[in-house]
PDB file of all heavy atoms in Angstrom:
ATOM      1  N   CYS A   1      45.970  96.153 -92.053  1.00  0.00           N
ATOM      2  CA  CYS A   1      45.705  95.313 -93.194  1.00  0.00           C
ATOM      3  C   CYS A   1      46.005  93.812 -92.847  1.00  0.00           C
ATOM      4  O   CYS A   1      45.846  92.950 -93.755  1.00  0.00           O
ATOM      5  CB  CYS A   1      46.521  95.719 -94.390  1.00  0.00           C
ATOM      6  SG  CYS A   1      45.967  97.310 -95.092  1.00  0.00           S
ATOM      7  N   ALA A   2      46.434  93.539 -91.646  1.00  0.00           N
ATOM      8  CA  ALA A   2      46.719  92.159 -91.262  1.00  0.00           C
ATOM      9  C   ALA A   2      45.473  91.497 -90.660  1.00  0.00           C
ATOM     10  O   ALA A   2      44.734  92.124 -89.885  1.00  0.00           O
ATOM     11  CB  ALA A   2      47.840  92.125 -90.209  1.00  0.00           C
ATOM     12  N   HIS A   3      45.242  90.248 -91.055  1.00  0.00           N
ATOM     13  CA  HIS A   3      44.223  89.418 -90.431  1.00  0.00           C
ATOM     14  C   HIS A   3      44.970  88.550 -89.416  1.00  0.00           C
ATOM     15  O   HIS A   3      45.496  87.458 -89.725  1.00  0.00           O
ATOM     16  CB  HIS A   3      43.495  88.551 -91.504  1.00  0.00           C
ATOM     17  CG  HIS A   3      42.384  87.776 -90.905  1.00  0.00           C
ATOM     18  ND1 HIS A   3      41.214  88.333 -90.471  1.00  0.00           N
ATOM     19  CD2 HIS A   3      42.262  86.429 -90.703  1.00  0.00           C
ATOM     20  CE1 HIS A   3      40.428  87.375 -90.046  1.00  0.00           C
ATOM     21  NE2 HIS A   3      41.022  86.269 -90.185  1.00  0.00           N
ATOM     22  N   GLU A   4      45.043  89.062 -88.198  1.00  0.00           N
ATOM     23  CA  GLU A   4      45.953  88.501 -87.248  1.00  0.00           C
ATOM     24  C   GLU A   4      45.672  87.021 -86.854  1.00  0.00           C
ATOM     25  O   GLU A   4      46.608  86.310 -86.546  1.00  0.00           O
ATOM     26  CB  GLU A   4      45.932  89.322 -85.926  1.00  0.00           C
ATOM     27  CG  GLU A   4      47.083  89.049 -85.000  1.00  0.00           C
ATOM     28  CD  GLU A   4      47.136  90.114 -83.891  1.00  0.00           C
ATOM     29  OE1 GLU A   4      46.173  90.276 -83.149  1.00  0.00           O
ATOM     30  OE2 GLU A   4      48.193  90.753 -83.809  1.00  0.00           O
ATOM     31  N   GLU A   5      44.423  86.658 -86.957  1.00  0.00           N
ATOM     32  CA  GLU A   5      44.118  85.202 -86.666  1.00  0.00           C
ATOM     33  C   GLU A   5      44.949  84.234 -87.407  1.00  0.00           C
ATOM     34  O   GLU A   5      45.329  83.178 -86.877  1.00  0.00           O
ATOM     35  CB  GLU A   5      42.614  84.973 -86.937  1.00  0.00           C
ATOM     36  CG  GLU A   5      42.159  83.610 -86.462  1.00  0.00           C
ATOM     37  CD  GLU A   5      40.692  83.393 -86.713  1.00  0.00           C
ATOM     38  OE1 GLU A   5      40.215  83.519 -87.895  1.00  0.00           O
ATOM     39  OE2 GLU A   5      39.963  83.111 -85.750  1.00  0.00           O
ATOM     40  N   THR A   6      45.241  84.516 -88.715  1.00  0.00           N
ATOM     41  CA  THR A   6      46.036  83.591 -89.513  1.00  0.00           C
ATOM     42  C   THR A   6      47.419  84.139 -89.909  1.00  0.00           C
ATOM     43  O   THR A   6      48.254  83.370 -90.287  1.00  0.00           O
ATOM     44  CB  THR A   6      45.276  83.299 -90.824  1.00  0.00           C
ATOM     45  OG1 THR A   6      45.166  84.529 -91.556  1.00  0.00           O
ATOM     46  CG2 THR A   6      43.937  82.696 -90.550  1.00  0.00           C
ATOM     47  N   GLY A   7      47.585  85.441 -89.760  1.00  0.00           N
ATOM     48  CA  GLY A   7      48.849  86.042 -90.157  1.00  0.00           C
ATOM     49  C   GLY A   7      48.859  86.665 -91.521  1.00  0.00           C
ATOM     50  O   GLY A   7      49.788  87.339 -91.964  1.00  0.00           O
ATOM     51  N   ALA A   8      47.795  86.471 -92.249  1.00  0.00           N
ATOM     52  CA  ALA A   8      47.693  87.010 -93.631  1.00  0.00           C
ATOM     53  C   ALA A   8      47.673  88.575 -93.572  1.00  0.00           C
ATOM     54  O   ALA A   8      47.212  89.189 -92.623  1.00  0.00           O
ATOM     55  CB  ALA A   8      46.403  86.552 -94.301  1.00  0.00           C
ATOM     56  N   ILE A   9      48.212  89.154 -94.669  1.00  0.00           N
ATOM     57  CA  ILE A   9      48.187  90.613 -94.844  1.00  0.00           C
ATOM     58  C   ILE A   9      47.520  90.856 -96.205  1.00  0.00           C
ATOM     59  O   ILE A   9      48.030  90.366 -97.273  1.00  0.00           O
ATOM     60  CB  ILE A   9      49.567  91.218 -94.770  1.00  0.00           C
ATOM     61  CG1 ILE A   9      50.158  90.994 -93.360  1.00  0.00           C
ATOM     62  CG2 ILE A   9      49.486  92.745 -95.095  1.00  0.00           C
ATOM     63  CD1 ILE A   9      51.610  91.500 -93.229  1.00  0.00           C
ATOM     64  N   VAL A  10      46.415  91.595 -96.233  1.00  0.00           N
ATOM     65  CA  VAL A  10      45.621  91.769 -97.472  1.00  0.00           C
ATOM     66  C   VAL A  10      46.280  92.899 -98.258  1.00  0.00           C
ATOM     67  O   VAL A  10      46.996  93.763 -97.769  1.00  0.00           O
ATOM     68  CB  VAL A  10      44.166  92.054 -97.209  1.00  0.00           C
ATOM     69  CG1 VAL A  10      43.522  90.889 -96.445  1.00  0.00           C
ATOM     70  CG2 VAL A  10      43.978  93.340 -96.370  1.00  0.00           C
ATOM     71  N   ALA A  11      45.997  92.892 -99.613  1.00  0.00           N
ATOM     72  CA  ALA A  11      46.526  93.902-100.506  1.00  0.00           C
ATOM     73  C   ALA A  11      45.896  95.264-100.284  1.00  0.00           C
ATOM     74  O   ALA A  11      46.495  96.300-100.503  1.00  0.00           O
ATOM     75  CB  ALA A  11      46.380  93.461-101.931  1.00  0.00           C
ATOM     76  N   ALA A  12      44.650  95.241 -99.814  1.00  0.00           N
ATOM     77  CA  ALA A  12      43.917  96.507 -99.501  1.00  0.00           C
ATOM     78  C   ALA A  12      42.699  96.134 -98.720  1.00  0.00           C
ATOM     79  O   ALA A  12      42.271  95.004 -98.679  1.00  0.00           O
ATOM     80  CB  ALA A  12      43.574  97.291-100.796  1.00  0.00           C
ATOM     81  N   LEU A  13      42.053  97.155 -98.124  1.00  0.00           N
ATOM     82  CA  LEU A  13      40.837  96.952 -97.342  1.00  0.00           C
ATOM     83  C   LEU A  13      39.587  96.963 -98.203  1.00  0.00           C
ATOM     84  O   LEU A  13      38.498  96.704 -97.717  1.00  0.00           O
ATOM     85  CB  LEU A  13      40.722  97.958 -96.236  1.00  0.00           C
ATOM     86  CG  LEU A  13      41.849  97.935 -95.190  1.00  0.00           C
ATOM     87  CD1 LEU A  13      41.596  99.068 -94.172  1.00  0.00           C
ATOM     88  CD2 LEU A  13      41.911  96.577 -94.443  1.00  0.00           C
ATOM     89  N   THR A  14      39.676  97.311 -99.484  1.00  0.00           N
ATOM     90  CA  THR A  14      38.513  97.536-100.329  1.00  0.00           C
ATOM     91  C   THR A  14      38.512  96.669-101.543  1.00  0.00           C
ATOM     92  O   THR A  14      39.515  96.000-101.879  1.00  0.00           O
ATOM     93  CB  THR A  14      38.468  98.981-100.842  1.00  0.00           C
ATOM     94  OG1 THR A  14      39.641  99.292-101.551  1.00  0.00           O
ATOM     95  CG2 THR A  14      38.317  99.999 -99.614  1.00  0.00           C
ATOM     96  N   THR A  15      37.378  96.665-102.216  1.00  0.00           N
ATOM     97  CA  THR A  15      37.232  96.029-103.486  1.00  0.00           C
ATOM     98  C   THR A  15      36.692  97.084-104.497  1.00  0.00           C
ATOM     99  O   THR A  15      35.932  97.975-104.116  1.00  0.00           O
ATOM    100  CB  THR A  15      36.282  94.838-103.460  1.00  0.00           C
ATOM    101  OG1 THR A  15      36.146  94.311-104.759  1.00  0.00           O
ATOM    102  CG2 THR A  15      34.906  95.171-102.924  1.00  0.00           C
ATOM    103  N   SER A  16      37.063  96.933-105.769  1.00  0.00           N
ATOM    104  CA  SER A  16      36.401  97.544-106.885  1.00  0.00           C
ATOM    105  C   SER A  16      36.524  99.050-106.944  1.00  0.00           C
ATOM    106  O   SER A  16      35.705  99.702-107.680  1.00  0.00           O
ATOM    107  CB  SER A  16      34.927  97.116-106.943  1.00  0.00           C
ATOM    108  OG  SER A  16      34.807  95.740-106.997  1.00  0.00           O
ATOM    109  N   ILE A  17      37.498  99.658-106.319  1.00  0.00           N
ATOM    110  CA  ILE A  17      37.806 101.063-106.646  1.00  0.00           C
ATOM    111  C   ILE A  17      38.578 101.084-107.980  1.00  0.00           C
ATOM    112  O   ILE A  17      39.629 100.469-108.043  1.00  0.00           O
ATOM    113  CB  ILE A  17      38.610 101.711-105.533  1.00  0.00           C
ATOM    114  CG1 ILE A  17      38.033 101.524-104.122  1.00  0.00           C
ATOM    115  CG2 ILE A  17      38.821 103.205-105.818  1.00  0.00           C
ATOM    116  CD1 ILE A  17      36.700 102.097-103.960  1.00  0.00           C
ATOM    117  N   PRO A  18      38.081 101.689-108.961  1.00  0.00           N
ATOM    118  CA  PRO A  18      38.708 101.563-110.335  1.00  0.00           C
ATOM    119  C   PRO A  18      40.062 102.180-110.395  1.00  0.00           C
ATOM    120  O   PRO A  18      40.368 103.149-109.680  1.00  0.00           O
ATOM    121  CB  PRO A  18      37.672 102.218-111.235  1.00  0.00           C
ATOM    122  CG  PRO A  18      36.913 103.141-110.370  1.00  0.00           C
ATOM    123  CD  PRO A  18      36.816 102.505-109.057  1.00  0.00           C
ATOM    124  N   GLU A  19      40.832 101.631-111.330  1.00  0.00           N
ATOM    125  CA  GLU A  19      42.219 102.126-111.536  1.00  0.00           C
ATOM    126  C   GLU A  19      42.164 103.562-112.182  1.00  0.00           C
ATOM    127  O   GLU A  19      43.116 104.329-112.065  1.00  0.00           O
ATOM    128  CB  GLU A  19      43.060 101.189-112.347  1.00  0.00           C
ATOM    129  CG  GLU A  19      43.355  99.909-111.637  1.00  0.00           C
ATOM    130  CD  GLU A  19      44.244  98.956-112.420  1.00  0.00           C
ATOM    131  OE1 GLU A  19      44.828  99.434-113.429  1.00  0.00           O
ATOM    132  OE2 GLU A  19      44.329  97.775-112.037  1.00  0.00           O
ATOM    133  N   HIS A  20      41.111 103.848-112.922  1.00  0.00           N
ATOM    134  CA  HIS A  20      40.857 105.177-113.433  1.00  0.00           C
ATOM    135  C   HIS A  20      39.391 105.209-113.875  1.00  0.00           C
ATOM    136  O   HIS A  20      38.661 104.222-113.854  1.00  0.00           O
ATOM    137  CB  HIS A  20      41.800 105.559-114.613  1.00  0.00           C
ATOM    138  CG  HIS A  20      41.710 104.654-115.778  1.00  0.00           C
ATOM    139  ND1 HIS A  20      40.784 104.711-116.758  1.00  0.00           N
ATOM    140  CD2 HIS A  20      42.552 103.626-116.190  1.00  0.00           C
ATOM    141  CE1 HIS A  20      40.973 103.834-117.675  1.00  0.00           C
ATOM    142  NE2 HIS A  20      42.047 103.137-117.336  1.00  0.00           N
ATOM    143  N   ALA A  21      38.916 106.408-114.168  1.00  0.00           N
ATOM    144  CA  ALA A  21      37.485 106.594-114.403  1.00  0.00           C
ATOM    145  C   ALA A  21      36.968 105.697-115.493  1.00  0.00           C
ATOM    146  O   ALA A  21      37.580 105.656-116.648  1.00  0.00           O
ATOM    147  CB  ALA A  21      37.210 108.059-114.730  1.00  0.00           C
ATOM    148  N   GLU A  22      35.856 104.977-115.215  1.00  0.00           N
ATOM    149  CA  GLU A  22      35.162 104.166-116.224  1.00  0.00           C
ATOM    150  C   GLU A  22      36.123 103.154-116.874  1.00  0.00           C
ATOM    151  O   GLU A  22      35.999 102.826-118.046  1.00  0.00           O
ATOM    152  CB  GLU A  22      34.500 105.018-117.288  1.00  0.00           C
ATOM    153  CG  GLU A  22      33.572 106.075-116.732  1.00  0.00           C
ATOM    154  CD  GLU A  22      32.316 105.540-116.065  1.00  0.00           C
ATOM    155  OE1 GLU A  22      32.102 104.307-116.112  1.00  0.00           O
ATOM    156  OE2 GLU A  22      31.560 106.337-115.505  1.00  0.00           O
ATOM    157  N   SER A  23      37.074 102.614-116.080  1.00  0.00           N
ATOM    158  CA  SER A  23      38.068 101.772-116.698  1.00  0.00           C
ATOM    159  C   SER A  23      37.661 100.262-116.749  1.00  0.00           C
ATOM    160  O   SER A  23      38.169  99.529-117.565  1.00  0.00           O
ATOM    161  CB  SER A  23      39.388 101.835-115.888  1.00  0.00           C
ATOM    162  OG  SER A  23      39.184 101.310-114.555  1.00  0.00           O
ATOM    163  N   GLY A  24      36.719  99.868-115.889  1.00  0.00           N
ATOM    164  CA  GLY A  24      36.436  98.478-115.788  1.00  0.00           C
ATOM    165  C   GLY A  24      37.476  97.686-115.036  1.00  0.00           C
ATOM    166  O   GLY A  24      37.348  96.501-114.762  1.00  0.00           O
ATOM    167  N   ARG A  25      38.611  98.330-114.697  1.00  0.00           N
ATOM    168  CA  ARG A  25      39.675  97.716-113.912  1.00  0.00           C
ATOM    169  C   ARG A  25      39.355  97.792-112.458  1.00  0.00           C
ATOM    170  O   ARG A  25      39.952  98.531-111.687  1.00  0.00           O
ATOM    171  CB  ARG A  25      40.999  98.412-114.203  1.00  0.00           C
ATOM    172  CG  ARG A  25      41.437  98.434-115.684  1.00  0.00           C
ATOM    173  CD  ARG A  25      42.647  99.377-115.833  1.00  0.00           C
ATOM    174  NE  ARG A  25      43.049  99.615-117.156  1.00  0.00           N
ATOM    175  CZ  ARG A  25      44.001  98.978-117.840  1.00  0.00           C
ATOM    176  NH1 ARG A  25      44.684  98.010-117.245  1.00  0.00           N
ATOM    177  NH2 ARG A  25      44.306  99.288-119.112  1.00  0.00           N
ATOM    178  N   ASN A  26      38.346  97.076-112.055  1.00  0.00           N
ATOM    179  CA  ASN A  26      37.861  97.093-110.688  1.00  0.00           C
ATOM    180  C   ASN A  26      38.010  95.719-110.060  1.00  0.00           C
ATOM    181  O   ASN A  26      37.406  94.771-110.430  1.00  0.00           O
ATOM    182  CB  ASN A  26      36.340  97.397-110.675  1.00  0.00           C
ATOM    183  CG  ASN A  26      35.958  98.718-111.380  1.00  0.00           C
ATOM    184  OD1 ASN A  26      36.764  99.300-112.040  1.00  0.00           O
ATOM    185  ND2 ASN A  26      34.727  99.123-111.110  1.00  0.00           N
ATOM    186  N   TRP A  27      38.978  95.644-109.128  1.00  0.00           N
ATOM    187  CA  TRP A  27      39.363  94.328-108.602  1.00  0.00           C
ATOM    188  C   TRP A  27      39.118  94.281-107.133  1.00  0.00           C
ATOM    189  O   TRP A  27      39.198  95.288-106.374  1.00  0.00           O
ATOM    190  CB  TRP A  27      40.871  94.082-108.908  1.00  0.00           C
ATOM    191  CG  TRP A  27      41.265  94.431-110.272  1.00  0.00           C
ATOM    192  CD1 TRP A  27      42.209  95.382-110.635  1.00  0.00           C
ATOM    193  CD2 TRP A  27      40.756  93.916-111.526  1.00  0.00           C
ATOM    194  NE1 TRP A  27      42.333  95.439-111.995  1.00  0.00           N
ATOM    195  CE2 TRP A  27      41.417  94.569-112.554  1.00  0.00           C
ATOM    196  CE3 TRP A  27      39.870  92.973-111.831  1.00  0.00           C
ATOM    197  CZ2 TRP A  27      41.148  94.264-113.911  1.00  0.00           C
ATOM    198  CZ3 TRP A  27      39.541  92.667-113.146  1.00  0.00           C
ATOM    199  CH2 TRP A  27      40.178  93.344-114.171  1.00  0.00           C
ATOM    200  N   ASP A  28      38.948  93.040-106.640  1.00  0.00           N
ATOM    201  CA  ASP A  28      38.777  92.766-105.203  1.00  0.00           C
ATOM    202  C   ASP A  28      40.160  92.500-104.631  1.00  0.00           C
ATOM    203  O   ASP A  28      40.774  91.468-104.883  1.00  0.00           O
ATOM    204  CB  ASP A  28      37.836  91.603-104.983  1.00  0.00           C
ATOM    205  CG  ASP A  28      37.374  91.453-103.556  1.00  0.00           C
ATOM    206  OD1 ASP A  28      37.961  92.115-102.681  1.00  0.00           O
ATOM    207  OD2 ASP A  28      36.442  90.678-103.303  1.00  0.00           O
ATOM    208  N   TYR A  29      40.642  93.381-103.773  1.00  0.00           N
ATOM    209  CA  TYR A  29      41.967  93.245-103.205  1.00  0.00           C
ATOM    210  C   TYR A  29      41.961  92.872-101.701  1.00  0.00           C
ATOM    211  O   TYR A  29      43.033  93.008-101.041  1.00  0.00           O
ATOM    212  CB  TYR A  29      42.694  94.634-103.314  1.00  0.00           C
ATOM    213  CG  TYR A  29      43.401  94.768-104.657  1.00  0.00           C
ATOM    214  CD1 TYR A  29      43.180  93.952-105.738  1.00  0.00           C
ATOM    215  CD2 TYR A  29      44.253  95.849-104.863  1.00  0.00           C
ATOM    216  CE1 TYR A  29      43.775  94.151-106.964  1.00  0.00           C
ATOM    217  CE2 TYR A  29      44.911  96.063-106.095  1.00  0.00           C
ATOM    218  CZ  TYR A  29      44.633  95.210-107.138  1.00  0.00           C
ATOM    219  OH  TYR A  29      45.273  95.422-108.332  1.00  0.00           O
ATOM    220  N   ARG A  30      40.897  92.323-101.234  1.00  0.00           N
ATOM    221  CA  ARG A  30      40.816  91.979 -99.789  1.00  0.00           C
ATOM    222  C   ARG A  30      41.344  90.552 -99.520  1.00  0.00           C
ATOM    223  O   ARG A  30      40.861  89.854 -98.687  1.00  0.00           O
ATOM    224  CB  ARG A  30      39.353  92.080 -99.368  1.00  0.00           C
ATOM    225  CG  ARG A  30      38.764  93.456 -99.585  1.00  0.00           C
ATOM    226  CD  ARG A  30      37.259  93.485 -99.385  1.00  0.00           C
ATOM    227  NE  ARG A  30      36.607  92.554-100.272  1.00  0.00           N
ATOM    228  CZ  ARG A  30      35.529  91.856 -99.973  1.00  0.00           C
ATOM    229  NH1 ARG A  30      34.912  92.019 -98.807  1.00  0.00           N
ATOM    230  NH2 ARG A  30      34.987  91.010-100.770  1.00  0.00           N
ATOM    231  N   TYR A  31      42.393  90.209-100.237  1.00  0.00           N
ATOM    232  CA  TYR A  31      43.056  88.876-100.120  1.00  0.00           C
ATOM    233  C   TYR A  31      44.539  89.020 -99.958  1.00  0.00           C
ATOM    234  O   TYR A  31      45.076  90.130-100.067  1.00  0.00           O
ATOM    235  CB  TYR A  31      42.662  88.036-101.358  1.00  0.00           C
ATOM    236  CG  TYR A  31      41.173  87.987-101.607  1.00  0.00           C
ATOM    237  CD1 TYR A  31      40.680  88.569-102.725  1.00  0.00           C
ATOM    238  CD2 TYR A  31      40.308  87.370-100.705  1.00  0.00           C
ATOM    239  CE1 TYR A  31      39.287  88.588-102.951  1.00  0.00           C
ATOM    240  CE2 TYR A  31      38.955  87.359-100.941  1.00  0.00           C
ATOM    241  CZ  TYR A  31      38.461  87.983-102.099  1.00  0.00           C
ATOM    242  OH  TYR A  31      37.072  87.966-102.286  1.00  0.00           O
ATOM    243  N   CYS A  32      45.207  87.931 -99.764  1.00  0.00           N
ATOM    244  CA  CYS A  32      46.644  87.961 -99.529  1.00  0.00           C
ATOM    245  C   CYS A  32      47.400  87.541-100.786  1.00  0.00           C
ATOM    246  O   CYS A  32      47.293  86.388-101.199  1.00  0.00           O
ATOM    247  CB  CYS A  32      47.013  87.003 -98.404  1.00  0.00           C
ATOM    248  SG  CYS A  32      48.720  87.116 -97.903  1.00  0.00           S
ATOM    249  N   TRP A  33      48.089  88.496-101.409  1.00  0.00           N
ATOM    250  CA  TRP A  33      48.849  88.232-102.664  1.00  0.00           C
ATOM    251  C   TRP A  33      50.258  87.822-102.269  1.00  0.00           C
ATOM    252  O   TRP A  33      50.919  88.599-101.554  1.00  0.00           O
ATOM    253  CB  TRP A  33      48.888  89.488-103.507  1.00  0.00           C
ATOM    254  CG  TRP A  33      47.926  89.526-104.655  1.00  0.00           C
ATOM    255  CD1 TRP A  33      48.125  89.225-105.939  1.00  0.00           C
ATOM    256  CD2 TRP A  33      46.511  89.874-104.552  1.00  0.00           C
ATOM    257  NE1 TRP A  33      46.998  89.338-106.700  1.00  0.00           N
ATOM    258  CE2 TRP A  33      45.973  89.729-105.840  1.00  0.00           C
ATOM    259  CE3 TRP A  33      45.668  90.232-103.547  1.00  0.00           C
ATOM    260  CZ2 TRP A  33      44.632  90.001-106.153  1.00  0.00           C
ATOM    261  CZ3 TRP A  33      44.363  90.500-103.775  1.00  0.00           C
ATOM    262  CH2 TRP A  33      43.866  90.358-105.109  1.00  0.00           C
ATOM    263  N   LEU A  34      50.729  86.774-102.851  1.00  0.00           N
ATOM    264  CA  LEU A  34      52.123  86.357-102.598  1.00  0.00           C
ATOM    265  C   LEU A  34      53.117  87.252-103.284  1.00  0.00           C
ATOM    266  O   LEU A  34      54.269  87.323-102.846  1.00  0.00           O
ATOM    267  CB  LEU A  34      52.304  84.888-103.007  1.00  0.00           C
ATOM    268  CG  LEU A  34      51.424  83.877-102.223  1.00  0.00           C
ATOM    269  CD1 LEU A  34      51.870  82.476-102.564  1.00  0.00           C
ATOM    270  CD2 LEU A  34      51.515  84.102-100.706  1.00  0.00           C
ATOM    271  N   ARG A  35      52.698  87.981-104.377  1.00  0.00           N
ATOM    272  CA  ARG A  35      53.685  88.889-105.009  1.00  0.00           C
ATOM    273  C   ARG A  35      54.043  90.029-104.039  1.00  0.00           C
ATOM    274  O   ARG A  35      55.039  90.691-104.283  1.00  0.00           O
ATOM    275  CB  ARG A  35      53.010  89.473-106.258  1.00  0.00           C
ATOM    276  CG  ARG A  35      51.914  90.493-105.970  1.00  0.00           C
ATOM    277  CD  ARG A  35      51.298  91.036-107.250  1.00  0.00           C
ATOM    278  NE  ARG A  35      50.309  92.064-106.913  1.00  0.00           N
ATOM    279  CZ  ARG A  35      49.481  92.592-107.819  1.00  0.00           C
ATOM    280  NH1 ARG A  35      49.507  92.219-109.079  1.00  0.00           N
ATOM    281  NH2 ARG A  35      48.606  93.490-107.455  1.00  0.00           N
ATOM    282  N   ASP A  36      53.204  90.261-103.002  1.00  0.00           N
ATOM    283  CA  ASP A  36      53.535  91.283-102.020  1.00  0.00           C
ATOM    284  C   ASP A  36      54.536  90.817-100.953  1.00  0.00           C
ATOM    285  O   ASP A  36      55.159  91.617-100.277  1.00  0.00           O
ATOM    286  CB  ASP A  36      52.307  91.707-101.234  1.00  0.00           C
ATOM    287  CG  ASP A  36      51.194  92.270-102.121  1.00  0.00           C
ATOM    288  OD1 ASP A  36      51.388  92.387-103.352  1.00  0.00           O
ATOM    289  OD2 ASP A  36      50.145  92.654-101.578  1.00  0.00           O
ATOM    290  N   ALA A  37      54.775  89.501-100.885  1.00  0.00           N
ATOM    291  CA  ALA A  37      55.462  88.954 -99.693  1.00  0.00           C
ATOM    292  C   ALA A  37      56.831  89.515 -99.449  1.00  0.00           C
ATOM    293  O   ALA A  37      57.167  89.927 -98.366  1.00  0.00           O
ATOM    294  CB  ALA A  37      55.503  87.393 -99.833  1.00  0.00           C
ATOM    295  N   TYR A  38      57.708  89.492-100.468  1.00  0.00           N
ATOM    296  CA  TYR A  38      59.058  89.958-100.323  1.00  0.00           C
ATOM    297  C   TYR A  38      59.065  91.397 -99.840  1.00  0.00           C
ATOM    298  O   TYR A  38      59.891  91.733 -98.959  1.00  0.00           O
ATOM    299  CB  TYR A  38      59.767  89.746-101.637  1.00  0.00           C
ATOM    300  CG  TYR A  38      61.125  90.426-101.743  1.00  0.00           C
ATOM    301  CD1 TYR A  38      62.128  90.086-100.824  1.00  0.00           C
ATOM    302  CD2 TYR A  38      61.378  91.373-102.708  1.00  0.00           C
ATOM    303  CE1 TYR A  38      63.389  90.725-100.899  1.00  0.00           C
ATOM    304  CE2 TYR A  38      62.652  91.968-102.827  1.00  0.00           C
ATOM    305  CZ  TYR A  38      63.644  91.653-101.902  1.00  0.00           C
ATOM    306  OH  TYR A  38      64.873  92.237-101.993  1.00  0.00           O
TER     307      TYR A  38
END
């Protein structure tokens, strides 16, 4: 999950897998969240 070129670590490798069926809670997690850092 690390993008070694910059050191970033993404929250997940995918986008838009819903939190539950037909929830609309479909998010793109292929970015680096600072809430994960600690």
